[in-house]
């Protein structure tokens, strides 16, 4: 007699993983199944293991022309926040960017950006609202707000709040006119501090 409360099927569902569909030719699938059997793994576990191993062999060049494996850089490239990942990647490895992995990439590797991501990154770089900076010039009311485009200067808190708008701008569904303004000169500071 079967127990009605007992679950059928494989192991527990891991919410921290994502499901992807992969097409394998019959020969490769068969060989992967043999490899999985040899290691006493499921096919999906074997494929995940093989992908992790392959990241050691995939080399990326940083902005300083140093080569690193993706596995070695994983700690610098991954962040749970999409906007954060984008900036970090764009600054160091921009040629690796996809639409969903933008923040770290934009700062670390700008050459990996897609066109849509390049548009997004341009608007982020050029908007002083999203950067820590200072007014260039002591006491001069006409001195301009300046900032460095680097990980220490980006205001991730503000970027996260505006991230969906940046995605719309990159996709051409919105214009940069909807982005927040900032005090471009010291004389404008009172206007922005008063909320005018």
C-alpha atoms as a PDB file:
ATOM      1  CA  UNK A   1       0.000   0.000   0.000  1.00  0.00           C
ATOM      2  CA  UNK A   2       1.437   3.349  -1.035  1.00  0.00           C
ATOM      3  CA  UNK A   3       1.789   6.153   1.477  1.00  0.00           C
ATOM      4  CA  UNK A   4      -0.254   9.090   0.162  1.00  0.00           C
ATOM      5  CA  UNK A   5       1.855  11.666   2.040  1.00  0.00           C
ATOM      6  CA  UNK A   6       5.154  10.472   0.584  1.00  0.00           C
ATOM      7  CA  UNK A   7       6.747  12.618  -2.134  1.00  0.00           C
ATOM      8  CA  UNK A   8       7.555  11.091  -5.468  1.00  0.00           C
ATOM      9  CA  UNK A   9      10.564  12.011  -7.541  1.00  0.00           C
ATOM     10  CA  UNK A  10      14.090  13.208  -6.914  1.00  0.00           C
ATOM     11  CA  UNK A  11      15.674  15.259  -4.198  1.00  0.00           C
ATOM     12  CA  UNK A  12      14.523  18.516  -2.720  1.00  0.00           C
ATOM     13  CA  UNK A  13      14.173  21.618  -4.809  1.00  0.00           C
ATOM     14  CA  UNK A  14      17.030  24.082  -4.311  1.00  0.00           C
ATOM     15  CA  UNK A  15      15.721  27.627  -4.542  1.00  0.00           C
ATOM     16  CA  UNK A  16      19.229  29.053  -4.905  1.00  0.00           C
ATOM     17  CA  UNK A  17      19.719  27.431  -8.314  1.00  0.00           C
ATOM     18  CA  UNK A  18      18.272  28.330 -11.690  1.00  0.00           C
ATOM     19  CA  UNK A  19      16.941  25.989 -14.337  1.00  0.00           C
ATOM     20  CA  UNK A  20      18.315  26.230 -17.868  1.00  0.00           C
ATOM     21  CA  UNK A  21      17.452  24.213 -20.943  1.00  0.00           C
ATOM     22  CA  UNK A  22      20.413  22.826 -22.858  1.00  0.00           C
ATOM     23  CA  UNK A  23      20.503  21.029 -26.206  1.00  0.00           C
ATOM     24  CA  UNK A  24      23.109  18.293 -26.437  1.00  0.00           C
ATOM     25  CA  UNK A  25      23.781  16.124 -29.453  1.00  0.00           C
ATOM     26  CA  UNK A  26      23.136  12.429 -28.697  1.00  0.00           C
ATOM     27  CA  UNK A  27      26.835  11.508 -28.509  1.00  0.00           C
ATOM     28  CA  UNK A  28      27.686  14.309 -26.055  1.00  0.00           C
ATOM     29  CA  UNK A  29      24.654  13.542 -23.899  1.00  0.00           C
ATOM     30  CA  UNK A  30      25.557   9.840 -23.763  1.00  0.00           C
ATOM     31  CA  UNK A  31      29.175  10.610 -22.841  1.00  0.00           C
ATOM     32  CA  UNK A  32      28.024  13.115 -20.194  1.00  0.00           C
ATOM     33  CA  UNK A  33      25.712  10.467 -18.731  1.00  0.00           C
ATOM     34  CA  UNK A  34      28.663   8.048 -18.545  1.00  0.00           C
ATOM     35  CA  UNK A  35      30.763  10.721 -16.821  1.00  0.00           C
ATOM     36  CA  UNK A  36      27.933  11.370 -14.369  1.00  0.00           C
ATOM     37  CA  UNK A  37      27.599   7.654 -13.593  1.00  0.00           C
ATOM     38  CA  UNK A  38      31.333   7.351 -13.002  1.00  0.00           C
ATOM     39  CA  UNK A  39      31.207  10.210 -10.490  1.00  0.00           C
ATOM     40  CA  UNK A  40      27.906   9.015  -9.002  1.00  0.00           C
ATOM     41  CA  UNK A  41      26.169  12.251  -9.900  1.00  0.00           C
ATOM     42  CA  UNK A  42      22.947  13.176 -11.635  1.00  0.00           C
ATOM     43  CA  UNK A  43      23.373  14.481 -15.173  1.00  0.00           C
ATOM     44  CA  UNK A  44      22.436  18.009 -14.067  1.00  0.00           C
ATOM     45  CA  UNK A  45      24.948  17.868 -11.198  1.00  0.00           C
ATOM     46  CA  UNK A  46      27.613  16.632 -13.619  1.00  0.00           C
ATOM     47  CA  UNK A  47      26.886  19.463 -16.086  1.00  0.00           C
ATOM     48  CA  UNK A  48      27.058  22.045 -13.270  1.00  0.00           C
ATOM     49  CA  UNK A  49      30.395  20.559 -12.138  1.00  0.00           C
ATOM     50  CA  UNK A  50      31.729  20.656 -15.722  1.00  0.00           C
ATOM     51  CA  UNK A  51      30.690  24.299 -16.160  1.00  0.00           C
ATOM     52  CA  UNK A  52      32.352  25.292 -12.893  1.00  0.00           C
ATOM     53  CA  UNK A  53      35.545  23.557 -14.035  1.00  0.00           C
ATOM     54  CA  UNK A  54      35.458  25.217 -17.446  1.00  0.00           C
ATOM     55  CA  UNK A  55      35.413  28.683 -15.861  1.00  0.00           C
ATOM     56  CA  UNK A  56      39.035  28.059 -14.805  1.00  0.00           C
ATOM     57  CA  UNK A  57      39.991  27.900 -18.500  1.00  0.00           C
ATOM     58  CA  UNK A  58      38.033  30.939 -19.734  1.00  0.00           C
ATOM     59  CA  UNK A  59      40.335  33.941 -19.482  1.00  0.00           C
ATOM     60  CA  UNK A  60      39.252  37.575 -19.412  1.00  0.00           C
ATOM     61  CA  UNK A  61      41.476  40.630 -19.649  1.00  0.00           C
ATOM     62  CA  UNK A  62      41.058  43.415 -17.116  1.00  0.00           C
ATOM     63  CA  UNK A  63      41.316  47.122 -17.861  1.00  0.00           C
ATOM     64  CA  UNK A  64      44.941  46.849 -16.655  1.00  0.00           C
ATOM     65  CA  UNK A  65      45.618  44.212 -19.367  1.00  0.00           C
ATOM     66  CA  UNK A  66      45.999  41.439 -16.803  1.00  0.00           C
ATOM     67  CA  UNK A  67      44.386  38.108 -17.582  1.00  0.00           C
ATOM     68  CA  UNK A  68      42.282  36.269 -15.032  1.00  0.00           C
ATOM     69  CA  UNK A  69      40.058  33.228 -15.243  1.00  0.00           C
ATOM     70  CA  UNK A  70      36.364  33.850 -14.708  1.00  0.00           C
ATOM     71  CA  UNK A  71      36.600  31.465 -11.739  1.00  0.00           C
ATOM     72  CA  UNK A  72      39.362  33.590 -10.167  1.00  0.00           C
ATOM     73  CA  UNK A  73      37.338  36.779 -10.654  1.00  0.00           C
ATOM     74  CA  UNK A  74      34.013  35.305  -9.519  1.00  0.00           C
ATOM     75  CA  UNK A  75      34.147  37.095  -6.171  1.00  0.00           C
ATOM     76  CA  UNK A  76      34.695  40.444  -7.896  1.00  0.00           C
ATOM     77  CA  UNK A  77      32.037  39.860 -10.557  1.00  0.00           C
ATOM     78  CA  UNK A  78      29.146  38.417  -8.549  1.00  0.00           C
ATOM     79  CA  UNK A  79      26.788  40.452  -6.413  1.00  0.00           C
ATOM     80  CA  UNK A  80      23.203  39.631  -5.464  1.00  0.00           C
ATOM     81  CA  UNK A  81      22.153  43.083  -6.714  1.00  0.00           C
ATOM     82  CA  UNK A  82      21.727  43.370 -10.482  1.00  0.00           C
ATOM     83  CA  UNK A  83      22.708  47.056 -10.580  1.00  0.00           C
ATOM     84  CA  UNK A  84      25.799  46.357  -8.459  1.00  0.00           C
ATOM     85  CA  UNK A  85      26.918  43.503 -10.731  1.00  0.00           C
ATOM     86  CA  UNK A  86      26.532  45.737 -13.747  1.00  0.00           C
ATOM     87  CA  UNK A  87      28.691  48.585 -12.437  1.00  0.00           C
ATOM     88  CA  UNK A  88      31.466  46.308 -11.221  1.00  0.00           C
ATOM     89  CA  UNK A  89      31.597  44.394 -14.485  1.00  0.00           C
ATOM     90  CA  UNK A  90      31.418  47.491 -16.680  1.00  0.00           C
ATOM     91  CA  UNK A  91      34.337  49.071 -14.854  1.00  0.00           C
ATOM     92  CA  UNK A  92      36.576  46.026 -15.102  1.00  0.00           C
ATOM     93  CA  UNK A  93      35.292  43.662 -17.848  1.00  0.00           C
ATOM     94  CA  UNK A  94      32.756  45.567 -20.009  1.00  0.00           C
ATOM     95  CA  UNK A  95      32.965  43.097 -22.914  1.00  0.00           C
ATOM     96  CA  UNK A  96      31.290  40.443 -20.707  1.00  0.00           C
ATOM     97  CA  UNK A  97      28.051  42.321 -20.014  1.00  0.00           C
ATOM     98  CA  UNK A  98      24.664  40.864 -20.757  1.00  0.00           C
ATOM     99  CA  UNK A  99      21.407  42.670 -20.142  1.00  0.00           C
ATOM    100  CA  UNK A 100      20.999  41.119 -16.686  1.00  0.00           C
ATOM    101  CA  UNK A 101      24.548  41.392 -15.309  1.00  0.00           C
ATOM    102  CA  UNK A 102      25.366  45.060 -15.517  1.00  0.00           C
ATOM    103  CA  UNK A 103      26.661  46.890 -12.436  1.00  0.00           C
ATOM    104  CA  UNK A 104      29.992  45.298 -11.573  1.00  0.00           C
ATOM    105  CA  UNK A 105      30.702  44.647 -15.233  1.00  0.00           C
ATOM    106  CA  UNK A 106      30.333  48.276 -16.308  1.00  0.00           C
ATOM    107  CA  UNK A 107      33.058  49.438 -13.933  1.00  0.00           C
ATOM    108  CA  UNK A 108      35.402  46.475 -14.245  1.00  0.00           C
ATOM    109  CA  UNK A 109      35.130  45.462 -17.931  1.00  0.00           C
ATOM    110  CA  UNK A 110      33.372  48.044 -20.153  1.00  0.00           C
ATOM    111  CA  UNK A 111      34.505  46.335 -23.392  1.00  0.00           C
ATOM    112  CA  UNK A 112      32.053  43.469 -22.762  1.00  0.00           C
ATOM    113  CA  UNK A 113      28.904  45.628 -22.855  1.00  0.00           C
ATOM    114  CA  UNK A 114      26.143  45.105 -25.405  1.00  0.00           C
ATOM    115  CA  UNK A 115      24.865  48.217 -27.204  1.00  0.00           C
ATOM    116  CA  UNK A 116      21.879  48.506 -24.849  1.00  0.00           C
ATOM    117  CA  UNK A 117      24.204  48.205 -21.854  1.00  0.00           C
ATOM    118  CA  UNK A 118      26.598  50.790 -23.325  1.00  0.00           C
ATOM    119  CA  UNK A 119      23.696  53.254 -23.545  1.00  0.00           C
ATOM    120  CA  UNK A 120      22.771  52.480 -19.939  1.00  0.00           C
ATOM    121  CA  UNK A 121      26.365  52.851 -18.746  1.00  0.00           C
ATOM    122  CA  UNK A 122      26.826  56.161 -20.598  1.00  0.00           C
ATOM    123  CA  UNK A 123      23.803  57.654 -18.820  1.00  0.00           C
ATOM    124  CA  UNK A 124      25.003  56.374 -15.438  1.00  0.00           C
ATOM    125  CA  UNK A 125      28.546  57.698 -15.972  1.00  0.00           C
ATOM    126  CA  UNK A 126      27.330  61.137 -17.043  1.00  0.00           C
ATOM    127  CA  UNK A 127      24.792  61.728 -14.259  1.00  0.00           C
ATOM    128  CA  UNK A 128      26.335  63.282 -11.129  1.00  0.00           C
ATOM    129  CA  UNK A 129      23.336  62.279  -9.003  1.00  0.00           C
ATOM    130  CA  UNK A 130      24.695  58.716  -8.893  1.00  0.00           C
ATOM    131  CA  UNK A 131      28.292  59.564  -7.903  1.00  0.00           C
ATOM    132  CA  UNK A 132      30.143  60.797  -4.832  1.00  0.00           C
ATOM    133  CA  UNK A 133      32.196  63.830  -5.754  1.00  0.00           C
ATOM    134  CA  UNK A 134      32.993  67.408  -4.856  1.00  0.00           C
ATOM    135  CA  UNK A 135      32.894  70.911  -6.263  1.00  0.00           C
ATOM    136  CA  UNK A 136      36.132  71.735  -8.080  1.00  0.00           C
ATOM    137  CA  UNK A 137      37.296  75.092  -6.763  1.00  0.00           C
ATOM    138  CA  UNK A 138      37.469  76.644  -3.309  1.00  0.00           C
ATOM    139  CA  UNK A 139      34.779  79.238  -2.628  1.00  0.00           C
ATOM    140  CA  UNK A 140      33.920  79.742  -6.309  1.00  0.00           C
ATOM    141  CA  UNK A 141      30.126  79.700  -6.752  1.00  0.00           C
ATOM    142  CA  UNK A 142      30.480  78.688 -10.420  1.00  0.00           C
ATOM    143  CA  UNK A 143      32.719  75.663  -9.781  1.00  0.00           C
ATOM    144  CA  UNK A 144      31.323  72.392 -11.132  1.00  0.00           C
ATOM    145  CA  UNK A 145      30.430  69.139  -9.412  1.00  0.00           C
ATOM    146  CA  UNK A 146      33.040  66.543 -10.433  1.00  0.00           C
ATOM    147  CA  UNK A 147      33.350  62.825  -9.724  1.00  0.00           C
ATOM    148  CA  UNK A 148      35.521  59.840 -10.540  1.00  0.00           C
ATOM    149  CA  UNK A 149      33.966  56.876 -12.308  1.00  0.00           C
ATOM    150  CA  UNK A 150      35.058  54.047 -10.006  1.00  0.00           C
ATOM    151  CA  UNK A 151      33.660  51.582  -7.483  1.00  0.00           C
ATOM    152  CA  UNK A 152      34.382  53.852  -4.529  1.00  0.00           C
ATOM    153  CA  UNK A 153      32.422  56.755  -6.042  1.00  0.00           C
ATOM    154  CA  UNK A 154      29.244  55.087  -7.321  1.00  0.00           C
ATOM    155  CA  UNK A 155      26.141  55.540  -5.137  1.00  0.00           C
ATOM    156  CA  UNK A 156      24.744  52.015  -5.345  1.00  0.00           C
ATOM    157  CA  UNK A 157      21.810  52.973  -3.099  1.00  0.00           C
ATOM    158  CA  UNK A 158      20.633  55.582  -5.606  1.00  0.00           C
ATOM    159  CA  UNK A 159      21.445  53.418  -8.640  1.00  0.00           C
ATOM    160  CA  UNK A 160      19.334  50.536  -7.313  1.00  0.00           C
ATOM    161  CA  UNK A 161      16.348  52.860  -6.880  1.00  0.00           C
ATOM    162  CA  UNK A 162      16.635  54.040 -10.505  1.00  0.00           C
ATOM    163  CA  UNK A 163      17.739  50.731 -12.066  1.00  0.00           C
ATOM    164  CA  UNK A 164      14.474  49.920 -13.868  1.00  0.00           C
ATOM    165  CA  UNK A 165      14.490  53.396 -15.453  1.00  0.00           C
ATOM    166  CA  UNK A 166      18.059  52.837 -16.704  1.00  0.00           C
ATOM    167  CA  UNK A 167      16.974  49.517 -18.209  1.00  0.00           C
ATOM    168  CA  UNK A 168      14.127  51.294 -20.015  1.00  0.00           C
ATOM    169  CA  UNK A 169      16.531  53.969 -21.310  1.00  0.00           C
ATOM    170  CA  UNK A 170      18.927  51.304 -22.589  1.00  0.00           C
ATOM    171  CA  UNK A 171      16.053  49.556 -24.366  1.00  0.00           C
ATOM    172  CA  UNK A 172      14.944  52.834 -25.967  1.00  0.00           C
ATOM    173  CA  UNK A 173      11.622  52.827 -24.078  1.00  0.00           C
ATOM    174  CA  UNK A 174      12.457  55.935 -22.052  1.00  0.00           C
ATOM    175  CA  UNK A 175      14.661  59.029 -22.466  1.00  0.00           C
ATOM    176  CA  UNK A 176      17.316  60.417 -20.144  1.00  0.00           C
ATOM    177  CA  UNK A 177      15.076  63.411 -19.380  1.00  0.00           C
ATOM    178  CA  UNK A 178      13.324  61.298 -16.711  1.00  0.00           C
ATOM    179  CA  UNK A 179      16.580  60.885 -14.748  1.00  0.00           C
ATOM    180  CA  UNK A 180      17.165  62.945 -11.601  1.00  0.00           C
ATOM    181  CA  UNK A 181      19.043  66.231 -11.813  1.00  0.00           C
ATOM    182  CA  UNK A 182      21.791  67.378  -9.436  1.00  0.00           C
ATOM    183  CA  UNK A 183      23.541  70.581  -8.404  1.00  0.00           C
ATOM    184  CA  UNK A 184      25.985  71.032 -11.269  1.00  0.00           C
ATOM    185  CA  UNK A 185      27.541  74.131  -9.683  1.00  0.00           C
ATOM    186  CA  UNK A 186      27.947  75.225  -6.067  1.00  0.00           C
ATOM    187  CA  UNK A 187      25.483  78.088  -6.661  1.00  0.00           C
ATOM    188  CA  UNK A 188      22.748  75.519  -7.484  1.00  0.00           C
ATOM    189  CA  UNK A 189      23.230  73.645  -4.184  1.00  0.00           C
ATOM    190  CA  UNK A 190      20.561  75.581  -2.257  1.00  0.00           C
ATOM    191  CA  UNK A 191      18.006  74.890  -4.982  1.00  0.00           C
ATOM    192  CA  UNK A 192      18.556  71.127  -4.707  1.00  0.00           C
ATOM    193  CA  UNK A 193      18.818  71.098  -0.906  1.00  0.00           C
ATOM    194  CA  UNK A 194      15.465  72.895  -0.655  1.00  0.00           C
ATOM    195  CA  UNK A 195      13.799  70.429  -3.014  1.00  0.00           C
ATOM    196  CA  UNK A 196      12.939  73.102  -5.615  1.00  0.00           C
END
